[in-house]
């Protein structure tokens, strides 16, 4: 059991105790323990039991429960409180905007025990009649539930990526090493996956017979050539049956969207897909350059390929030369600044842009002016020690309610670059959001606009923005747009990147890393950037150290700052 699982258990226990109105002091102590556990750099499973109680934020009571969890995998007190809580009440904890206290009111005063009932009550305007709930809260809860319900059964790309090779290997074993290939949305590198799709070179009857004998697979549906199954965690898998001769054809037809496939077959009706060896052979037969699977979304890509408008090489994970946007223990990161720098250096990267939170982010230990000066002294010391590797002085500066940045210009001028992001008051109209963003973009010290919409995939839609106006403003003010590579963000949405590139706006694929391990998230940003045909030259974090230094110097000179 890892630290995150332990922290989740304590967090859930704290929330359920609040819902049941149990000892508030204990509930708060368990919430504090959950926070402390999640931030620990060392696994509790590797910590001697007698030392756990001495860890800051973890007392004797929590330490005993941690020992119980590590020894048994369960927590008796949590199991007991779960058993006396309706499942629908626990599920409500997934709905943003209603915490344990409000859930207690919904359950005990309104006698509602499921999300479906709660949504109905919102639509009937009953929620706002209770103390602590107003019209705005009711509307927010209703919209969040509707978004949540749409998300059920969907998964982040990063969440299912580790499962794909395992499932493929299992299918190859089941069918005696016959041809098996991933296809569909996952192969196209779509950020949200509703189901994993595989092509299997066996007849449907044999496919169904073998799958029905496998434990952990449940048949969920079938057509003339497909079998849909679910696995134990609810993940849906669609299997396409075909013979060996039509394997490549089936892979091609199921990889692209319907719009792409129809456009191809309409434009090239004489190209026979049957019996062609490899997908490259299909494009060769049409006289087209190879179109990577990630680009097979829209019909228009066929015309672009025919006109020779595909880039010679899409950006690859190995094209990332440095880490831009990272957090250390100076704010809310898990590792020290030196550990973050050494971690980046060990990956063969040339630089690290340290961008801890600004002072308004009090919840994340945002840096005061005095602490900025102290951090910069440490950066100077580490740069002398680690040369030629370089740490750039940066900040993730909060965009305040009026669109101003979190520090005076005299402080902003001490940074090599500034990432401007919105973190507070996210529930805004488009007019309010645009005012804040445009004002921040026009600030001469803003180098990069961070996670443009504030979205969290499958959790929060983000505030409404006019993408085209933001892109135009970034073009006019020489501001880079971040593609936040955290798999829950992937913000800016890749569907808008082409417009940015058309206006010569640079993209910066940044991991928003809060630990050394987070550096690897850049790959998720790269994979969605490929869908927008981003090249290394168009991505700031693909710049070499000397190129980034030259770019920043030229920008400062241009801005006269």
Protein backbone atom coordinates (compact mmCIF):
# COMPACT_ATOMS: atom_id res chain seq x y z
CA UNK A 1 0.00 0.00 0.00
CA UNK A 2 1.52 3.34 -1.06
CA UNK A 3 1.33 6.72 0.67
CA UNK A 4 -1.43 7.99 -1.59
CA UNK A 5 -3.69 5.03 -0.75
CA UNK A 6 -3.05 5.53 2.96
CA UNK A 7 -3.76 9.27 2.66
CA UNK A 8 -6.99 8.53 0.77
CA UNK A 9 -8.15 6.24 3.59
CA UNK A 10 -7.53 8.93 6.22
CA UNK A 11 -9.17 11.61 4.10
CA UNK A 12 -12.27 9.48 3.57
CA UNK A 13 -12.44 8.64 7.28
CA UNK A 14 -12.29 12.33 8.18
CA UNK A 15 -15.05 13.26 5.73
CA UNK A 16 -17.35 10.43 6.80
CA UNK A 17 -16.90 11.36 10.46
CA UNK A 18 -17.97 14.91 9.59
CA UNK A 19 -21.01 13.61 7.71
CA UNK A 20 -22.03 11.53 10.72
CA UNK A 21 -21.39 14.40 13.14
CA UNK A 22 -18.75 12.50 15.07
CA UNK A 23 -15.87 13.97 17.09
CA UNK A 24 -14.76 17.02 15.06
CA UNK A 25 -11.31 17.12 16.70
CA UNK A 26 -10.55 13.56 15.60
CA UNK A 27 -11.93 14.23 12.12
CA UNK A 28 -9.63 17.24 11.72
CA UNK A 29 -6.63 15.28 13.01
CA UNK A 30 -7.23 12.55 10.42
CA UNK A 31 -7.56 15.18 7.67
CA UNK A 32 -4.25 16.71 8.80
CA UNK A 33 -2.63 13.27 8.80
CA UNK A 34 -3.88 12.66 5.24
CA UNK A 35 -2.30 15.94 4.10
CA UNK A 36 1.00 15.13 5.82
CA UNK A 37 1.12 11.56 4.45
CA UNK A 38 0.53 12.66 0.86
CA UNK A 39 3.48 15.06 1.05
CA UNK A 40 5.94 12.53 2.48
CA UNK A 41 8.94 11.88 0.18
CA UNK A 42 9.57 8.40 1.69
CA UNK A 43 7.07 5.49 1.53
CA UNK A 44 5.51 4.68 4.92
CA UNK A 45 5.79 1.00 3.99
CA UNK A 46 9.58 1.42 4.23
CA UNK A 47 9.47 3.37 7.50
CA UNK A 48 10.02 1.52 10.80
CA UNK A 49 6.65 1.40 12.67
CA UNK A 50 8.15 2.94 15.80
CA UNK A 51 9.19 6.04 13.85
CA UNK A 52 5.87 6.76 12.15
CA UNK A 53 4.32 8.57 15.15
CA UNK A 54 7.29 10.96 15.18
CA UNK A 55 6.63 12.23 11.67
CA UNK A 56 5.32 15.80 11.64
CA UNK A 57 1.54 15.84 11.26
CA UNK A 58 1.09 12.22 12.36
CA UNK A 59 0.24 11.48 16.00
CA UNK A 60 0.01 8.25 17.98
CA UNK A 61 -3.60 7.54 16.99
CA UNK A 62 -2.92 8.00 13.25
CA UNK A 63 0.33 6.01 13.52
CA UNK A 64 -1.53 3.00 14.95
CA UNK A 65 -4.01 3.14 12.10
CA UNK A 66 -1.22 3.42 9.52
CA UNK A 67 0.39 0.31 11.03
CA UNK A 68 -2.98 -1.46 10.83
CA UNK A 69 -3.39 -0.48 7.18
CA UNK A 70 0.09 -1.64 6.26
CA UNK A 71 -0.36 -4.94 8.09
CA UNK A 72 -3.91 -5.82 6.99
CA UNK A 73 -4.71 -3.62 4.02
CA UNK A 74 -7.86 -2.43 5.77
CA UNK A 75 -8.87 -0.03 8.53
CA UNK A 76 -11.52 -1.39 10.90
CA UNK A 77 -12.90 2.01 11.93
CA UNK A 78 -13.20 3.07 8.26
CA UNK A 79 -14.89 -0.19 7.31
CA UNK A 80 -17.37 0.26 10.15
CA UNK A 81 -18.34 3.82 9.18
CA UNK A 82 -18.62 2.88 5.49
CA UNK A 83 -21.02 0.06 6.36
CA UNK A 84 -23.41 2.49 8.04
CA UNK A 85 -23.24 5.04 5.21
CA UNK A 86 -25.40 4.69 2.06
CA UNK A 87 -23.19 4.23 -1.04
CA UNK A 88 -24.83 7.23 -2.69
CA UNK A 89 -23.78 9.45 0.18
CA UNK A 90 -20.16 8.38 -0.24
CA UNK A 91 -20.43 9.02 -3.97
CA UNK A 92 -21.55 12.59 -3.24
CA UNK A 93 -18.03 13.30 -2.00
CA UNK A 94 -17.07 13.31 -5.69
CA UNK A 95 -19.34 16.30 -6.32
CA UNK A 96 -17.40 19.55 -6.06
CA UNK A 97 -19.17 22.32 -4.19
CA UNK A 98 -20.73 20.18 -1.47
CA UNK A 99 -18.54 19.19 1.44
CA UNK A 100 -19.28 16.80 4.32
CA UNK A 101 -21.39 19.34 6.25
CA UNK A 102 -23.68 20.01 3.28
CA UNK A 103 -23.87 16.29 2.48
CA UNK A 104 -25.02 15.69 6.07
CA UNK A 105 -27.86 18.19 5.52
CA UNK A 106 -28.79 16.58 2.19
CA UNK A 107 -28.91 13.14 3.81
CA UNK A 108 -30.36 13.81 7.23
CA UNK A 109 -32.65 16.75 6.56
CA UNK A 110 -33.63 16.27 2.94
CA UNK A 111 -33.57 12.44 3.15
CA UNK A 112 -31.73 12.17 -0.16
CA UNK A 113 -29.35 9.23 -0.50
CA UNK A 114 -28.18 9.26 -4.12
CA UNK A 115 -26.75 11.63 -6.70
CA UNK A 116 -29.72 11.00 -8.98
CA UNK A 117 -32.14 12.09 -6.25
CA UNK A 118 -30.03 15.15 -5.55
CA UNK A 119 -30.03 16.18 -9.20
CA UNK A 120 -33.80 15.80 -9.30
CA UNK A 121 -34.11 17.95 -6.14
CA UNK A 122 -31.98 20.65 -7.78
CA UNK A 123 -34.17 20.65 -10.86
CA UNK A 124 -37.16 20.98 -8.57
CA UNK A 125 -35.55 23.97 -6.81
CA UNK A 126 -35.67 22.22 -3.44
CA UNK A 127 -32.01 22.42 -2.53
CA UNK A 128 -31.99 26.20 -2.14
CA UNK A 129 -34.70 26.00 0.53
CA UNK A 130 -32.27 24.61 3.08
CA UNK A 131 -29.85 26.56 5.24
CA UNK A 132 -26.44 26.91 3.63
CA UNK A 133 -27.76 26.40 0.10
CA UNK A 134 -28.64 29.28 -2.20
CA UNK A 135 -29.67 29.61 -5.81
CA UNK A 136 -26.04 29.80 -6.96
CA UNK A 137 -25.02 26.72 -4.96
CA UNK A 138 -27.98 24.78 -6.32
CA UNK A 139 -27.08 25.67 -9.91
CA UNK A 140 -23.43 24.78 -9.38
CA UNK A 141 -24.32 21.43 -7.79
CA UNK A 142 -26.69 20.62 -10.65
CA UNK A 143 -24.09 21.43 -13.32
CA UNK A 144 -21.37 19.50 -11.47
CA UNK A 145 -23.56 16.41 -11.13
CA UNK A 146 -24.46 16.51 -14.82
CA UNK A 147 -20.76 16.77 -15.71
CA UNK A 148 -19.88 14.00 -13.24
CA UNK A 149 -22.50 11.64 -14.63
CA UNK A 150 -21.21 12.14 -18.16
CA UNK A 151 -17.75 11.27 -16.91
CA UNK A 152 -18.63 7.89 -15.45
CA UNK A 153 -17.02 5.12 -17.45
CA UNK A 154 -14.46 7.51 -18.91
CA UNK A 155 -10.77 7.44 -18.03
CA UNK A 156 -7.76 9.70 -18.43
CA UNK A 157 -5.34 8.54 -21.11
CA UNK A 158 -2.62 8.36 -18.46
CA UNK A 159 -4.82 6.18 -16.27
CA UNK A 160 -5.24 3.43 -18.86
CA UNK A 161 -1.84 3.71 -20.60
CA UNK A 162 -0.09 1.26 -18.22
CA UNK A 163 -2.86 -1.30 -18.80
CA UNK A 164 -2.61 -1.44 -22.59
CA UNK A 165 0.56 -3.59 -22.90
CA UNK A 166 -0.71 -5.87 -20.12
CA UNK A 167 -4.08 -6.42 -21.78
CA UNK A 168 -2.45 -6.90 -25.18
CA UNK A 169 -0.07 -9.49 -23.73
CA UNK A 170 -2.98 -11.27 -22.05
CA UNK A 171 -4.95 -11.38 -25.31
CA UNK A 172 -1.93 -12.71 -27.20
CA UNK A 173 -1.59 -15.46 -24.61
CA UNK A 174 -5.28 -16.33 -24.73
CA UNK A 175 -5.23 -16.59 -28.51
CA UNK A 176 -1.90 -18.41 -28.86
CA UNK A 177 0.18 -15.42 -30.00
CA UNK A 178 -2.15 -14.47 -32.80
CA UNK A 179 -2.02 -10.91 -34.14
CA UNK A 180 -3.37 -8.37 -31.62
CA UNK A 181 -3.13 -4.58 -31.94
CA UNK A 182 -4.40 -1.57 -30.03
CA UNK A 183 -6.70 0.64 -32.10
CA UNK A 184 -9.34 3.36 -31.71
CA UNK A 185 -9.15 6.42 -29.48
CA UNK A 186 -6.15 5.22 -27.48
CA UNK A 187 -4.07 4.74 -30.62
CA UNK A 188 -5.08 8.26 -31.67
CA UNK A 189 -3.78 9.51 -28.27
CA UNK A 190 -7.09 11.04 -27.24
CA UNK A 191 -6.93 12.53 -23.75
CA UNK A 192 -10.11 10.84 -22.45
CA UNK A 193 -10.73 7.17 -23.15
CA UNK A 194 -14.22 5.65 -22.92
CA UNK A 195 -13.06 2.17 -23.89
CA UNK A 196 -9.90 0.41 -25.02
CA UNK A 197 -10.14 -1.16 -28.46
CA UNK A 198 -8.11 -4.07 -29.85
CA UNK A 199 -8.11 -5.88 -33.18
CA UNK A 200 -7.73 -9.65 -32.79
CA UNK A 201 -7.10 -11.89 -35.81
CA UNK A 202 -9.57 -14.65 -34.92
CA UNK A 203 -13.22 -15.31 -35.91
CA UNK A 204 -15.91 -13.88 -33.63
CA UNK A 205 -17.08 -17.34 -32.51
CA UNK A 206 -13.60 -18.26 -31.33
CA UNK A 207 -13.19 -14.81 -29.78
CA UNK A 208 -16.38 -15.21 -27.75
CA UNK A 209 -15.62 -18.79 -26.72
CA UNK A 210 -12.16 -18.00 -25.38
CA UNK A 211 -13.12 -14.75 -23.65
CA UNK A 212 -16.06 -16.40 -21.86
CA UNK A 213 -13.60 -18.80 -20.22
CA UNK A 214 -11.42 -16.03 -18.80
CA UNK A 215 -11.87 -14.90 -15.20
CA UNK A 216 -12.26 -11.16 -14.69
CA UNK A 217 -13.88 -10.60 -18.11
CA UNK A 218 -17.63 -9.97 -18.33
CA UNK A 219 -19.47 -9.89 -21.65
CA UNK A 220 -21.22 -6.52 -22.09
CA UNK A 221 -22.31 -6.67 -25.73
CA UNK A 222 -21.60 -7.93 -29.24
CA UNK A 223 -22.21 -7.18 -32.92
CA UNK A 224 -21.42 -9.08 -36.10
CA UNK A 225 -17.69 -8.46 -35.69
CA UNK A 226 -17.15 -7.04 -32.19
CA UNK A 227 -17.24 -8.18 -28.62
CA UNK A 228 -17.45 -5.68 -25.76
CA UNK A 229 -16.30 -6.80 -22.33
CA UNK A 230 -15.76 -5.17 -18.96
CA UNK A 231 -13.00 -6.00 -16.52
CA UNK A 232 -13.16 -5.98 -12.74
CA UNK A 233 -12.57 -2.22 -12.34
CA UNK A 234 -15.31 -1.34 -14.84
CA UNK A 235 -13.00 -0.61 -17.76
CA UNK A 236 -14.68 -1.38 -21.09
CA UNK A 237 -12.75 -3.21 -23.80
CA UNK A 238 -13.97 -3.61 -27.36
CA UNK A 239 -12.49 -6.45 -29.42
CA UNK A 240 -12.72 -6.45 -33.23
CA UNK A 241 -12.66 -9.90 -34.80
CA UNK A 242 -11.11 -10.43 -38.24
CA UNK A 243 -9.06 -12.94 -40.20
CA UNK A 244 -5.31 -12.68 -40.72
CA UNK A 245 -5.67 -11.42 -44.29
CA UNK A 246 -7.85 -8.47 -43.25
CA UNK A 247 -5.94 -7.61 -40.05
CA UNK A 248 -4.23 -4.45 -41.40
CA UNK A 249 -7.46 -3.32 -43.07
CA UNK A 250 -9.37 -3.72 -39.80
CA UNK A 251 -6.66 -1.81 -37.91
CA UNK A 252 -6.88 1.05 -40.39
CA UNK A 253 -10.67 1.23 -40.38
CA UNK A 254 -10.93 1.20 -36.60
CA UNK A 255 -8.06 3.56 -35.80
CA UNK A 256 -9.34 6.67 -37.55
CA UNK A 257 -12.57 8.44 -36.69
CA UNK A 258 -15.60 7.82 -38.89
CA UNK A 259 -15.04 11.24 -40.49
CA UNK A 260 -11.43 10.40 -41.34
CA UNK A 261 -12.16 6.93 -42.74
CA UNK A 262 -15.09 8.17 -44.85
CA UNK A 263 -12.97 11.02 -46.22
CA UNK A 264 -10.20 8.59 -47.18
CA UNK A 265 -12.44 6.04 -48.88
CA UNK A 266 -14.32 8.81 -50.71
CA UNK A 267 -11.14 10.49 -51.93
CA UNK A 268 -9.46 7.19 -52.89
CA UNK A 269 -12.26 4.78 -53.87
CA UNK A 270 -9.99 2.63 -56.03
CA UNK A 271 -7.52 1.87 -53.26
CA UNK A 272 -8.11 -1.67 -52.05
CA UNK A 273 -7.45 -2.09 -48.34
CA UNK A 274 -7.55 -5.86 -48.43
CA UNK A 275 -4.28 -7.75 -48.28
CA UNK A 276 -2.05 -4.68 -47.96
CA UNK A 277 0.99 -5.25 -45.79
CA UNK A 278 1.18 -2.66 -43.03
CA UNK A 279 -0.65 0.65 -42.66
CA UNK A 280 2.10 2.44 -44.58
CA UNK A 281 1.13 0.34 -47.59
CA UNK A 282 -2.39 1.80 -47.50
CA UNK A 283 -1.09 5.37 -47.75
CA UNK A 284 1.50 4.35 -50.36
CA UNK A 285 -1.30 2.91 -52.50
CA UNK A 286 -3.14 6.25 -52.26
CA UNK A 287 0.01 8.20 -53.11
CA UNK A 288 -0.10 9.94 -49.72
CA UNK A 289 2.59 10.44 -47.12
CA UNK A 290 2.01 8.34 -44.01
CA UNK A 291 -0.53 9.96 -41.67
CA UNK A 292 0.26 9.04 -38.05
CA UNK A 293 -2.62 7.58 -36.07
CA UNK A 294 -2.72 10.62 -33.77
CA UNK A 295 -3.73 12.82 -36.73
CA UNK A 296 -6.58 10.67 -37.98
CA UNK A 297 -9.30 12.76 -36.34
CA UNK A 298 -10.70 15.05 -39.01
CA UNK A 299 -11.43 14.69 -42.71
CA UNK A 300 -9.34 17.77 -43.50
CA UNK A 301 -6.09 15.97 -42.71
CA UNK A 302 -6.47 13.94 -45.94
CA UNK A 303 -6.40 17.11 -48.00
CA UNK A 304 -3.46 18.53 -46.02
CA UNK A 305 -1.48 15.34 -46.54
CA UNK A 306 -2.23 15.39 -50.26
CA UNK A 307 -1.05 19.01 -50.47
CA UNK A 308 2.20 18.17 -48.67
CA UNK A 309 1.28 20.25 -45.63
CA UNK A 310 2.17 17.70 -42.94
CA UNK A 311 5.27 18.64 -40.92
CA UNK A 312 8.35 16.52 -41.66
CA UNK A 313 8.56 15.43 -38.00
CA UNK A 314 6.17 15.80 -35.08
CA UNK A 315 7.53 16.60 -31.65
CA UNK A 316 8.72 13.55 -29.68
CA UNK A 317 9.24 13.05 -25.90
CA UNK A 318 13.01 13.07 -26.43
CA UNK A 319 12.77 16.57 -27.94
CA UNK A 320 12.14 18.06 -24.49
CA UNK A 321 15.41 19.73 -23.44
CA UNK A 322 14.41 21.15 -20.08
CA UNK A 323 11.69 21.30 -17.46
CA UNK A 324 9.61 24.47 -17.45
CA UNK A 325 7.06 24.91 -14.62
CA UNK A 326 8.02 22.99 -11.51
CA UNK A 327 7.50 23.34 -7.76
CA UNK A 328 9.80 22.56 -4.86
CA UNK A 329 9.52 22.47 -1.09
CA UNK A 330 9.81 26.24 -1.16
CA UNK A 331 6.05 26.15 -1.88
CA UNK A 332 3.96 22.99 -2.27
CA UNK A 333 6.41 20.61 -3.93
CA UNK A 334 7.49 17.30 -2.41
CA UNK A 335 11.23 17.61 -3.06
CA UNK A 336 13.93 20.15 -2.35
CA UNK A 337 15.08 22.52 -5.05
CA UNK A 338 18.40 20.70 -5.27
CA UNK A 339 16.65 17.32 -5.58
CA UNK A 340 14.48 18.69 -8.39
CA UNK A 341 17.55 20.02 -10.21
CA UNK A 342 19.50 16.79 -9.78
CA UNK A 343 16.46 14.81 -10.95
CA UNK A 344 16.24 16.84 -14.14
CA UNK A 345 19.99 16.60 -14.67
CA UNK A 346 19.88 12.81 -14.25
CA UNK A 347 17.37 12.62 -17.11
CA UNK A 348 19.86 14.30 -19.41
CA UNK A 349 17.96 17.60 -19.40
CA UNK A 350 19.81 20.90 -19.72
CA UNK A 351 17.84 23.13 -17.37
CA UNK A 352 15.08 23.46 -14.80
CA UNK A 353 12.70 26.40 -14.52
CA UNK A 354 11.70 26.56 -10.86
CA UNK A 355 8.33 28.29 -10.59
CA UNK A 356 7.00 28.00 -7.07
CA UNK A 357 3.73 29.66 -6.12
CA UNK A 358 3.38 33.38 -5.47
CA UNK A 359 2.36 34.96 -2.18
CA UNK A 360 -1.44 34.97 -2.72
CA UNK A 361 -1.38 31.17 -2.86
CA UNK A 362 -1.22 30.96 0.94
CA UNK A 363 -2.64 27.42 0.81
CA UNK A 364 0.49 26.40 -1.13
CA UNK A 365 2.99 28.33 1.00
CA UNK A 366 3.37 30.97 -1.68
CA UNK A 367 6.62 32.93 -1.58
CA UNK A 368 6.81 36.31 0.13
CA UNK A 369 9.24 38.88 -1.25
CA UNK A 370 11.76 37.95 1.43
CA UNK A 371 11.55 34.24 0.61
CA UNK A 372 12.00 35.01 -3.09
CA UNK A 373 15.31 36.67 -2.30
CA UNK A 374 16.37 33.66 -0.22
CA UNK A 375 15.39 31.22 -2.97
CA UNK A 376 17.32 33.21 -5.55
CA UNK A 377 20.44 33.00 -3.40
CA UNK A 378 20.05 29.22 -3.32
CA UNK A 379 19.53 29.13 -7.09
CA UNK A 380 22.78 31.07 -7.58
CA UNK A 381 24.63 28.66 -5.30
CA UNK A 382 23.23 25.57 -7.05
CA UNK A 383 24.02 26.99 -10.48
CA UNK A 384 27.65 27.37 -9.48
CA UNK A 385 27.62 23.80 -8.21
CA UNK A 386 25.74 22.14 -11.09
CA UNK A 387 27.10 24.07 -14.09
CA UNK A 388 26.64 23.71 -17.05
CA UNK A 389 23.15 22.61 -15.95
CA UNK A 390 21.11 25.72 -15.11
CA UNK A 391 18.18 26.58 -12.86
CA UNK A 392 16.14 29.50 -14.14
CA UNK A 393 14.50 31.80 -11.58
CA UNK A 394 10.77 31.85 -12.17
CA UNK A 395 7.46 32.04 -10.34
CA UNK A 396 3.95 30.78 -11.02
CA UNK A 397 2.41 34.16 -10.36
CA UNK A 398 -1.25 34.35 -9.43
CA UNK A 399 -3.47 36.41 -11.70
CA UNK A 400 -5.52 38.42 -9.24
CA UNK A 401 -9.20 39.34 -9.57
CA UNK A 402 -8.45 42.50 -11.55
CA UNK A 403 -5.95 40.75 -13.83
CA UNK A 404 -2.88 42.21 -12.14
CA UNK A 405 -0.02 39.97 -11.10
CA UNK A 406 0.87 39.10 -7.53
CA UNK A 407 4.01 41.25 -7.17
CA UNK A 408 5.22 44.70 -8.04
CA UNK A 409 7.25 45.19 -11.20
CA UNK A 410 10.42 45.57 -9.15
CA UNK A 411 9.97 42.02 -7.82
CA UNK A 412 8.82 40.61 -11.17
CA UNK A 413 11.99 42.01 -12.77
CA UNK A 414 14.13 39.68 -10.61
CA UNK A 415 12.82 36.58 -12.40
CA UNK A 416 14.20 35.12 -15.61
CA UNK A 417 10.63 34.38 -16.69
CA UNK A 418 7.13 34.56 -15.21
CA UNK A 419 4.31 32.02 -15.60
CA UNK A 420 0.97 33.76 -14.96
CA UNK A 421 -1.93 31.52 -13.88
CA UNK A 422 -5.38 31.79 -12.32
CA UNK A 423 -5.84 29.76 -9.14
CA UNK A 424 -8.62 31.54 -7.25
CA UNK A 425 -12.26 32.49 -7.85
CA UNK A 426 -12.54 30.04 -10.73
CA UNK A 427 -16.32 30.32 -11.03
CA UNK A 428 -16.42 33.25 -13.42
CA UNK A 429 -18.37 34.49 -16.37
CA UNK A 430 -16.50 34.58 -19.65
CA UNK A 431 -16.39 38.38 -19.39
CA UNK A 432 -14.70 38.22 -15.98
CA UNK A 433 -12.27 35.47 -17.02
CA UNK A 434 -11.28 37.30 -20.19
CA UNK A 435 -10.69 40.55 -18.30
CA UNK A 436 -8.33 38.81 -15.90
CA UNK A 437 -6.50 36.85 -18.60
CA UNK A 438 -6.10 39.70 -21.07
CA UNK A 439 -4.82 42.08 -18.40
CA UNK A 440 -2.27 39.48 -17.31
CA UNK A 441 -1.17 38.81 -20.90
CA UNK A 442 -0.59 42.53 -21.45
CA UNK A 443 1.72 42.72 -18.43
CA UNK A 444 5.23 42.97 -19.94
CA UNK A 445 6.62 40.55 -17.34
CA UNK A 446 4.25 37.72 -18.28
CA UNK A 447 6.33 35.25 -20.28
CA UNK A 448 4.00 32.23 -20.27
CA UNK A 449 0.23 31.97 -19.73
CA UNK A 450 -0.28 28.93 -17.47
CA UNK A 451 -3.10 26.38 -17.81
CA UNK A 452 -5.39 28.70 -19.74
CA UNK A 453 -8.83 27.48 -18.63
CA UNK A 454 -8.07 25.94 -15.23
CA UNK A 455 -9.81 22.75 -16.29
CA UNK A 456 -9.38 19.38 -14.60
CA UNK A 457 -10.37 16.59 -16.99
CA UNK A 458 -13.32 14.50 -15.80
CA UNK A 459 -13.61 16.75 -12.75
CA UNK A 460 -13.86 20.45 -13.58
CA UNK A 461 -14.74 22.02 -16.92
CA UNK A 462 -12.72 25.17 -16.33
CA UNK A 463 -13.85 28.75 -16.71
CA UNK A 464 -15.21 29.90 -20.08
CA UNK A 465 -12.78 31.74 -22.35
CA UNK A 466 -12.63 33.08 -25.88
CA UNK A 467 -9.66 31.08 -27.17
CA UNK A 468 -9.21 33.15 -30.31
CA UNK A 469 -9.02 36.45 -28.42
CA UNK A 470 -6.50 34.98 -25.98
CA UNK A 471 -4.37 33.63 -28.82
CA UNK A 472 -4.49 37.02 -30.57
CA UNK A 473 -3.46 38.75 -27.33
CA UNK A 474 -0.58 36.32 -26.80
CA UNK A 475 0.57 36.93 -30.37
CA UNK A 476 0.45 40.70 -29.88
CA UNK A 477 2.32 40.57 -26.55
CA UNK A 478 4.84 37.80 -27.34
CA UNK A 479 3.41 35.55 -24.61
CA UNK A 480 3.89 31.77 -24.78
CA UNK A 481 0.85 29.56 -24.15
CA UNK A 482 1.44 26.65 -21.83
CA UNK A 483 0.31 23.17 -22.70
CA UNK A 484 0.15 21.97 -19.11
CA UNK A 485 1.17 18.34 -19.43
CA UNK A 486 -0.30 17.12 -16.15
CA UNK A 487 -2.61 14.31 -17.34
CA UNK A 488 -5.56 15.85 -15.47
CA UNK A 489 -5.10 19.21 -17.19
CA UNK A 490 -3.67 19.03 -20.74
CA UNK A 491 -4.60 22.69 -20.95
CA UNK A 492 -4.55 24.42 -23.53
CA UNK A 493 -6.84 21.95 -25.29
CA UNK A 494 -4.93 20.57 -28.30
CA UNK A 495 -7.86 21.44 -30.58
CA UNK A 496 -6.94 25.14 -30.28
CA UNK A 497 -3.18 24.79 -30.70
CA UNK A 498 -3.26 24.97 -34.51
CA UNK A 499 -4.76 28.46 -34.29
CA UNK A 500 -1.98 29.50 -31.95
CA UNK A 501 0.68 28.12 -34.30
CA UNK A 502 -0.94 29.92 -37.23
CA UNK A 503 -0.39 33.18 -35.31
CA UNK A 504 3.24 32.20 -34.56
CA UNK A 505 2.47 31.83 -30.86
CA UNK A 506 4.86 29.44 -29.16
CA UNK A 507 3.60 26.53 -27.07
CA UNK A 508 5.43 25.34 -23.96
CA UNK A 509 4.88 21.73 -22.92
CA UNK A 510 5.31 21.89 -19.15
CA UNK A 511 4.76 19.13 -16.56
CA UNK A 512 3.70 21.39 -13.65
CA UNK A 513 5.82 18.96 -11.63
CA UNK A 514 5.50 18.91 -7.84
CA UNK A 515 8.03 16.08 -7.53
CA UNK A 516 10.87 14.63 -9.59
CA UNK A 517 8.54 11.88 -10.80
CA UNK A 518 6.28 14.54 -12.29
CA UNK A 519 8.89 15.34 -14.94
CA UNK A 520 7.72 12.26 -16.83
CA UNK A 521 4.31 13.87 -17.38
CA UNK A 522 5.82 15.85 -20.25
CA UNK A 523 5.18 12.80 -22.44
CA UNK A 524 1.41 13.24 -22.07
CA UNK A 525 1.75 16.82 -23.21
CA UNK A 526 3.90 15.74 -26.14
CA UNK A 527 1.39 13.12 -27.20
CA UNK A 528 -1.53 15.55 -27.36
CA UNK A 529 0.72 18.19 -28.95
CA UNK A 530 1.39 15.70 -31.74
CA UNK A 531 -2.33 15.75 -32.49
CA UNK A 532 -1.99 19.48 -33.23
CA UNK A 533 1.09 18.84 -35.45
CA UNK A 534 3.46 20.68 -33.09
CA UNK A 535 7.13 20.51 -34.06
CA UNK A 536 10.12 20.91 -31.72
CA UNK A 537 10.81 24.40 -33.08
CA UNK A 538 7.35 25.55 -31.95
CA UNK A 539 7.74 24.34 -28.37
CA UNK A 540 9.65 26.42 -25.81
CA UNK A 541 10.69 23.46 -23.64
CA UNK A 542 12.39 21.94 -26.72
CA UNK A 543 14.80 24.87 -26.82
CA UNK A 544 18.35 24.08 -25.79
CA UNK A 545 19.78 25.99 -22.84
CA UNK A 546 21.54 28.49 -25.09
CA UNK A 547 18.42 28.93 -27.24
CA UNK A 548 16.23 29.59 -24.19
CA UNK A 549 18.74 32.08 -22.77
CA UNK A 550 18.86 33.89 -26.12
CA UNK A 551 15.07 33.94 -26.42
CA UNK A 552 14.59 35.36 -22.92
CA UNK A 553 17.30 37.99 -23.44
CA UNK A 554 15.78 39.10 -26.76
CA UNK A 555 12.32 39.26 -25.21
CA UNK A 556 13.53 41.41 -22.30
CA UNK A 557 15.26 43.75 -24.71
CA UNK A 558 12.13 43.99 -26.85
CA UNK A 559 9.97 44.71 -23.81
CA UNK A 560 12.59 47.06 -22.36
CA UNK A 561 12.38 45.35 -18.97
